[in-house]
Amino acid sequence: MTSSSLSSPASHASLVARWRRATEEPAWLRRCLIGVALTFLGLFLVLPLILVLYSAFSQGFDAWQTAITEPDALAAIRLTLLVVTIAVPANLVFGVATAWAVAKFEFRGKPVLISMIDMPFAISPVVVGLIFVVMFGSQGWLGPWLSEHDLKILYAVPGIVIVIVFGTLPFVARELIPLMQQQGKEEEEASLTLGASGWKTFWHVTLPNIKWGLIYGVILCNARAMGEFGAVAVVSGRIRGETNTLPLHIEVLYNEYQFAAAFAVSSLLTGLALVTIAIKSFVEWHDEHRQRLAAE
């Protein structure tokens, strides 16, 4: 009896140790995987970022300031901010509406709609640009009608906005669909039963449950919109000072061998991306912290 009671803790500890050895990776494997990951991040992410910033300021702060404040650069900055200001809210509305339709309703063609949401991820941006050239070009499907009504889509701001809206369509919807599906319909149905309107139900019941996912989707949408290149290059005409966004302006400078100026403008776009990543990380941390508090 005594021998059994004494050996029981030791036996339990032995079982725990064997279970850990069976379920945990060896220490050498963990170190190798961590080393490979850190090496990859260092070579392909951190080092290029450092080189961009170093090259941007290689000729001094005055040269950097001159590069980002010359007229074409300022025009590219204004255009980028303009199209982002239009495209992101448009996709916010589309994303919420699409997520609501997919998560809350059953209808024919629902699988097709879900598949089409991911279409911008599957199609090359250059092909997207060519699709809209076929639609809105002078010889395209809508070209004669646009010319007749003196409406200009291609080689103008509307065309750039359209392709950026298309390219950033999935981000908000894809973040919200699983959240709304997890939430279910019970809370909305209870609110409607108590006499609340559809808008009040959304504002006071649905939105508080999805707001962090919504913010996260908007951040990703904003990052993609600022950096969109391929489709914009096709439909913009690359007119300096008029239809060049920041990525297109960087390419123009690079092709003209103005490397210092190209890196200077690149550093500005990189800075905007870093700010976006910082906000994204804060949103992720806040959401995880909120979930831990809810679990406790």
Protein backbone atom coordinates (compact mmCIF):
# COMPACT_ATOMS: atom_id res chain seq x y z
CA MET A 1 0.00 0.00 0.00
CA THR A 2 2.72 2.40 1.01
CA SER A 3 4.94 1.31 -1.86
CA SER A 4 2.10 1.86 -4.32
CA SER A 5 1.31 5.33 -2.98
CA LEU A 6 4.98 6.31 -3.15
CA SER A 7 5.47 5.04 -6.66
CA SER A 8 2.29 6.66 -7.98
CA PRO A 9 3.63 10.25 -8.25
CA ALA A 10 6.83 9.00 -9.87
CA SER A 11 4.85 6.93 -12.34
CA HIS A 12 2.64 9.92 -13.15
CA ALA A 13 5.67 12.15 -13.70
CA SER A 14 7.17 9.52 -15.99
CA LEU A 15 3.99 9.37 -18.04
CA VAL A 16 3.91 13.16 -18.33
CA ALA A 17 7.55 13.23 -19.45
CA ARG A 18 6.92 10.54 -22.10
CA TRP A 19 3.83 12.41 -23.32
CA ARG A 20 5.82 15.64 -23.67
CA ARG A 21 8.59 13.88 -25.57
CA ALA A 22 6.03 12.31 -27.91
CA THR A 23 4.10 15.51 -28.60
CA GLU A 24 6.83 18.17 -28.62
CA GLU A 25 9.36 18.70 -31.36
CA PRO A 26 13.00 18.08 -30.48
CA ALA A 27 14.93 21.14 -29.32
CA TRP A 28 17.25 21.02 -32.34
CA LEU A 29 14.27 21.02 -34.72
CA ARG A 30 12.69 24.02 -32.97
CA ARG A 31 15.98 25.93 -33.17
CA CYS A 32 16.37 25.09 -36.87
CA LEU A 33 12.85 26.19 -37.74
CA ILE A 34 13.18 29.42 -35.77
CA GLY A 35 16.56 30.07 -37.38
CA VAL A 36 15.20 29.49 -40.90
CA ALA A 37 12.24 31.79 -40.23
CA LEU A 38 14.43 34.56 -38.80
CA THR A 39 16.92 34.22 -41.66
CA PHE A 40 14.14 34.43 -44.23
CA LEU A 41 12.62 37.49 -42.56
CA GLY A 42 16.00 39.15 -42.27
CA LEU A 43 17.06 38.57 -45.88
CA PHE A 44 13.77 39.16 -47.68
CA LEU A 45 11.99 41.69 -45.46
CA VAL A 46 14.21 43.53 -42.99
CA LEU A 47 17.32 43.92 -45.19
CA PRO A 48 15.43 45.31 -48.23
CA LEU A 49 13.61 47.73 -45.95
CA ILE A 50 16.89 48.96 -44.50
CA LEU A 51 18.37 49.32 -48.00
CA VAL A 52 15.37 51.35 -49.18
CA LEU A 53 15.69 53.75 -46.25
CA TYR A 54 19.48 53.95 -46.62
CA SER A 55 19.25 54.66 -50.36
CA ALA A 56 16.50 57.22 -49.79
CA PHE A 57 18.74 59.32 -47.56
CA SER A 58 22.06 58.49 -49.25
CA GLN A 59 22.32 62.02 -50.71
CA GLY A 60 21.15 63.76 -47.57
CA PHE A 61 17.87 64.96 -46.14
CA ASP A 62 17.64 67.96 -48.49
CA ALA A 63 17.77 65.72 -51.57
CA TRP A 64 15.12 63.46 -50.02
CA GLN A 65 12.87 66.42 -49.26
CA THR A 66 13.31 67.79 -52.78
CA ALA A 67 12.36 64.43 -54.31
CA ILE A 68 9.10 64.11 -52.38
CA THR A 69 8.06 67.75 -52.77
CA GLU A 70 8.63 68.25 -56.50
CA PRO A 71 5.37 68.82 -58.44
CA ASP A 72 5.02 65.34 -59.97
CA ALA A 73 5.62 63.66 -56.61
CA LEU A 74 3.06 65.86 -54.88
CA ALA A 75 0.56 65.13 -57.66
CA ALA A 76 1.16 61.39 -57.20
CA ILE A 77 0.68 61.71 -53.43
CA ARG A 78 -2.57 63.63 -53.87
CA LEU A 79 -3.91 61.16 -56.42
CA THR A 80 -3.01 58.17 -54.24
CA LEU A 81 -4.77 59.67 -51.23
CA LEU A 82 -7.77 60.59 -53.39
CA VAL A 83 -8.32 57.12 -54.84
CA VAL A 84 -7.78 55.50 -51.43
CA THR A 85 -10.31 57.89 -49.89
CA ILE A 86 -12.87 56.79 -52.49
CA ALA A 87 -12.04 53.09 -52.87
CA VAL A 88 -11.78 52.11 -49.20
CA PRO A 89 -15.20 53.47 -48.12
CA ALA A 90 -16.76 51.93 -51.24
CA ASN A 91 -15.37 48.52 -50.32
CA LEU A 92 -16.36 49.03 -46.69
CA VAL A 93 -20.00 49.35 -47.79
CA PHE A 94 -19.70 46.48 -50.27
CA GLY A 95 -17.90 44.26 -47.75
CA VAL A 96 -20.48 44.75 -45.01
CA ALA A 97 -23.39 44.20 -47.43
CA THR A 98 -21.81 41.08 -48.93
CA ALA A 99 -20.86 39.59 -45.56
CA TRP A 100 -24.37 40.24 -44.25
CA ALA A 101 -25.95 38.56 -47.30
CA VAL A 102 -23.66 35.52 -47.08
CA ALA A 103 -23.81 35.07 -43.30
CA LYS A 104 -27.44 35.90 -42.59
CA PHE A 105 -29.42 34.68 -45.62
CA GLU A 106 -29.85 31.52 -47.67
CA PHE A 107 -30.41 32.00 -51.41
CA ARG A 108 -29.69 30.40 -54.74
CA GLY A 109 -26.25 31.15 -56.08
CA LYS A 110 -24.73 31.72 -52.65
CA PRO A 111 -21.70 29.44 -53.33
CA VAL A 112 -21.13 31.31 -56.59
CA LEU A 113 -21.16 34.66 -54.78
CA ILE A 114 -18.68 33.38 -52.19
CA SER A 115 -16.38 32.16 -54.97
CA MET A 116 -16.64 35.45 -56.87
CA ILE A 117 -15.54 37.40 -53.80
CA ASP A 118 -12.09 35.82 -54.21
CA MET A 119 -11.87 36.57 -57.94
CA PRO A 120 -9.57 39.62 -57.51
CA PHE A 121 -7.07 37.33 -55.76
CA ALA A 122 -7.12 34.82 -58.62
CA ILE A 123 -6.87 37.18 -61.60
CA SER A 124 -3.64 38.97 -62.49
CA PRO A 125 -3.89 42.75 -61.94
CA VAL A 126 -2.70 43.32 -65.51
CA VAL A 127 -5.55 41.16 -66.80
CA VAL A 128 -7.96 43.16 -64.62
CA GLY A 129 -6.71 46.34 -66.26
CA LEU A 130 -7.17 44.86 -69.73
CA ILE A 131 -10.73 43.79 -68.84
CA PHE A 132 -11.65 47.38 -68.05
CA VAL A 133 -9.89 48.61 -71.20
CA VAL A 134 -12.15 46.26 -73.19
CA MET A 135 -15.16 47.65 -71.32
CA PHE A 136 -14.39 51.37 -71.31
CA GLY A 137 -11.91 51.85 -74.16
CA SER A 138 -12.80 53.86 -77.25
CA GLN A 139 -13.33 50.60 -79.16
CA GLY A 140 -14.76 48.76 -76.16
CA TRP A 141 -18.27 47.76 -75.21
CA LEU A 142 -19.16 51.06 -73.56
CA GLY A 143 -16.65 53.24 -75.39
CA PRO A 144 -19.01 54.77 -78.00
CA TRP A 145 -21.65 55.56 -75.36
CA LEU A 146 -19.04 57.19 -73.08
CA SER A 147 -17.69 59.26 -75.98
CA GLU A 148 -21.19 60.34 -76.94
CA HIS A 149 -21.85 61.60 -73.40
CA ASP A 150 -18.35 63.07 -73.01
CA LEU A 151 -17.50 60.77 -70.10
CA LYS A 152 -13.90 59.73 -69.56
CA ILE A 153 -13.09 56.57 -67.58
CA LEU A 154 -9.76 55.35 -68.93
CA TYR A 155 -6.64 57.47 -68.47
CA ALA A 156 -8.44 59.41 -65.76
CA VAL A 157 -9.23 59.18 -62.05
CA PRO A 158 -12.48 57.15 -62.45
CA GLY A 159 -10.65 54.30 -64.18
CA ILE A 160 -7.99 54.19 -61.45
CA VAL A 161 -10.66 54.15 -58.74
CA ILE A 162 -12.58 51.35 -60.47
CA VAL A 163 -9.60 48.99 -60.78
CA ILE A 164 -8.51 49.68 -57.19
CA VAL A 165 -12.04 49.00 -55.93
CA PHE A 166 -12.01 45.72 -57.87
CA GLY A 167 -8.58 44.73 -56.56
CA THR A 168 -9.48 45.40 -52.93
CA LEU A 169 -12.99 43.90 -52.97
CA PRO A 170 -12.33 40.77 -50.86
CA PHE A 171 -10.58 42.20 -47.82
CA VAL A 172 -13.48 43.56 -45.77
CA ALA A 173 -15.95 40.85 -46.81
CA ARG A 174 -13.52 38.02 -46.05
CA GLU A 175 -12.85 39.38 -42.56
CA LEU A 176 -16.52 39.85 -41.71
CA ILE A 177 -18.12 36.68 -43.10
CA PRO A 178 -16.74 34.28 -40.43
CA LEU A 179 -17.45 36.78 -37.66
CA MET A 180 -21.08 37.20 -38.71
CA GLN A 181 -21.51 33.44 -39.16
CA GLN A 182 -20.13 32.87 -35.67
CA GLN A 183 -22.43 35.53 -34.23
CA GLY A 184 -25.56 33.92 -35.66
CA LYS A 185 -28.96 35.51 -36.08
CA GLU A 186 -30.42 35.23 -32.57
CA GLU A 187 -29.36 38.65 -31.29
CA GLU A 188 -30.61 40.48 -34.39
CA GLU A 189 -33.90 38.57 -34.32
CA ALA A 190 -34.39 39.42 -30.64
CA SER A 191 -33.71 43.10 -31.35
CA LEU A 192 -36.19 43.17 -34.22
CA THR A 193 -38.78 41.37 -32.09
CA LEU A 194 -38.43 44.08 -29.44
CA GLY A 195 -39.29 46.70 -32.04
CA ALA A 196 -35.89 48.01 -33.11
CA SER A 197 -35.47 49.04 -36.73
CA GLY A 198 -33.03 47.32 -39.04
CA TRP A 199 -30.59 50.24 -38.83
CA LYS A 200 -30.71 50.34 -35.01
CA THR A 201 -30.21 46.59 -34.91
CA PHE A 202 -27.13 46.87 -37.09
CA TRP A 203 -25.73 49.86 -35.20
CA HIS A 204 -26.29 48.58 -31.65
CA VAL A 205 -26.17 44.78 -32.04
CA THR A 206 -24.23 43.72 -35.13
CA LEU A 207 -21.59 46.44 -35.39
CA PRO A 208 -20.20 46.07 -31.83
CA ASN A 209 -19.56 42.38 -32.54
CA ILE A 210 -17.79 42.93 -35.85
CA LYS A 211 -16.12 46.31 -35.40
CA TRP A 212 -12.58 45.00 -34.86
CA GLY A 213 -12.83 42.67 -37.84
CA LEU A 214 -14.19 45.59 -39.84
CA ILE A 215 -11.27 47.80 -38.83
CA TYR A 216 -8.82 45.01 -39.67
CA GLY A 217 -10.36 44.53 -43.12
CA VAL A 218 -10.29 48.27 -43.81
CA ILE A 219 -6.59 48.40 -42.85
CA LEU A 220 -5.73 45.58 -45.27
CA CYS A 221 -7.87 47.20 -47.97
CA ASN A 222 -6.08 50.51 -47.45
CA ALA A 223 -2.64 48.90 -47.67
CA ARG A 224 -3.48 47.12 -50.92
CA ALA A 225 -5.07 50.24 -52.42
CA MET A 226 -1.97 52.37 -51.77
CA GLY A 227 0.35 49.81 -53.36
CA GLU A 228 -1.74 48.71 -56.35
CA PHE A 229 0.37 48.81 -59.51
CA GLY A 230 -0.46 46.41 -62.35
CA ALA A 231 -4.09 47.27 -63.07
CA VAL A 232 -3.50 50.97 -62.45
CA ALA A 233 -0.58 50.97 -64.90
CA VAL A 234 -2.87 49.61 -67.63
CA VAL A 235 -5.82 52.00 -67.21
CA SER A 236 -4.05 55.18 -66.11
CA GLY A 237 -2.00 55.97 -69.19
CA ARG A 238 0.89 56.91 -66.83
CA ILE A 239 0.47 60.63 -67.41
CA ARG A 240 2.96 62.43 -65.19
CA GLY A 241 1.37 64.87 -62.82
CA GLU A 242 -2.13 63.63 -63.67
CA THR A 243 -2.69 59.86 -63.51
CA ASN A 244 0.47 58.57 -61.84
CA THR A 245 -0.07 57.16 -58.36
CA LEU A 246 2.90 56.74 -56.02
CA PRO A 247 3.86 53.25 -57.29
CA LEU A 248 3.72 54.46 -60.91
CA HIS A 249 5.72 57.58 -60.09
CA ILE A 250 8.40 55.41 -58.48
CA GLU A 251 8.63 53.31 -61.64
CA VAL A 252 8.95 56.42 -63.81
CA LEU A 253 11.81 57.75 -61.69
CA TYR A 254 13.54 54.37 -61.71
CA ASN A 255 13.27 54.04 -65.51
CA GLU A 256 14.77 57.52 -65.84
CA TYR A 257 17.73 56.43 -63.68
CA GLN A 258 16.78 58.86 -60.93
CA PHE A 259 17.52 56.21 -58.33
CA ALA A 260 17.86 58.49 -55.32
CA ALA A 261 14.52 60.16 -56.06
CA ALA A 262 12.88 56.78 -56.69
CA PHE A 263 14.08 55.48 -53.32
CA ALA A 264 13.01 58.71 -51.63
CA VAL A 265 9.44 58.31 -52.86
CA SER A 266 9.65 54.59 -52.07
CA SER A 267 10.55 55.44 -48.49
CA LEU A 268 7.40 57.54 -48.25
CA LEU A 269 5.26 54.64 -49.47
CA THR A 270 7.17 52.32 -47.14
CA GLY A 271 6.47 54.64 -44.23
CA LEU A 272 2.75 54.55 -44.99
CA ALA A 273 2.94 50.75 -45.12
CA LEU A 274 4.72 50.60 -41.75
CA VAL A 275 2.08 52.82 -40.18
CA THR A 276 -0.58 50.50 -41.60
CA ILE A 277 1.21 47.46 -40.15
CA ALA A 278 1.51 49.15 -36.76
CA ILE A 279 -2.22 49.90 -36.70
CA LYS A 280 -2.96 46.34 -37.84
CA SER A 281 -0.79 44.90 -35.04
CA PHE A 282 -2.55 47.08 -32.48
CA VAL A 283 -5.95 45.91 -33.71
CA GLU A 284 -4.83 42.26 -33.52
CA TRP A 285 -3.46 42.76 -30.00
CA HIS A 286 -6.60 44.52 -28.84
CA ASP A 287 -8.82 41.79 -30.29
CA GLU A 288 -6.78 39.00 -28.65
CA HIS A 289 -6.79 40.89 -25.33
CA ARG A 290 -10.57 41.30 -25.54
CA GLN A 291 -11.04 37.59 -26.27
CA ARG A 292 -8.86 36.61 -23.29
CA LEU A 293 -10.87 38.87 -20.99
CA ALA A 294 -14.11 37.40 -22.32
CA ALA A 295 -12.81 33.86 -21.74
CA GLU A 296 -11.93 34.68 -18.12
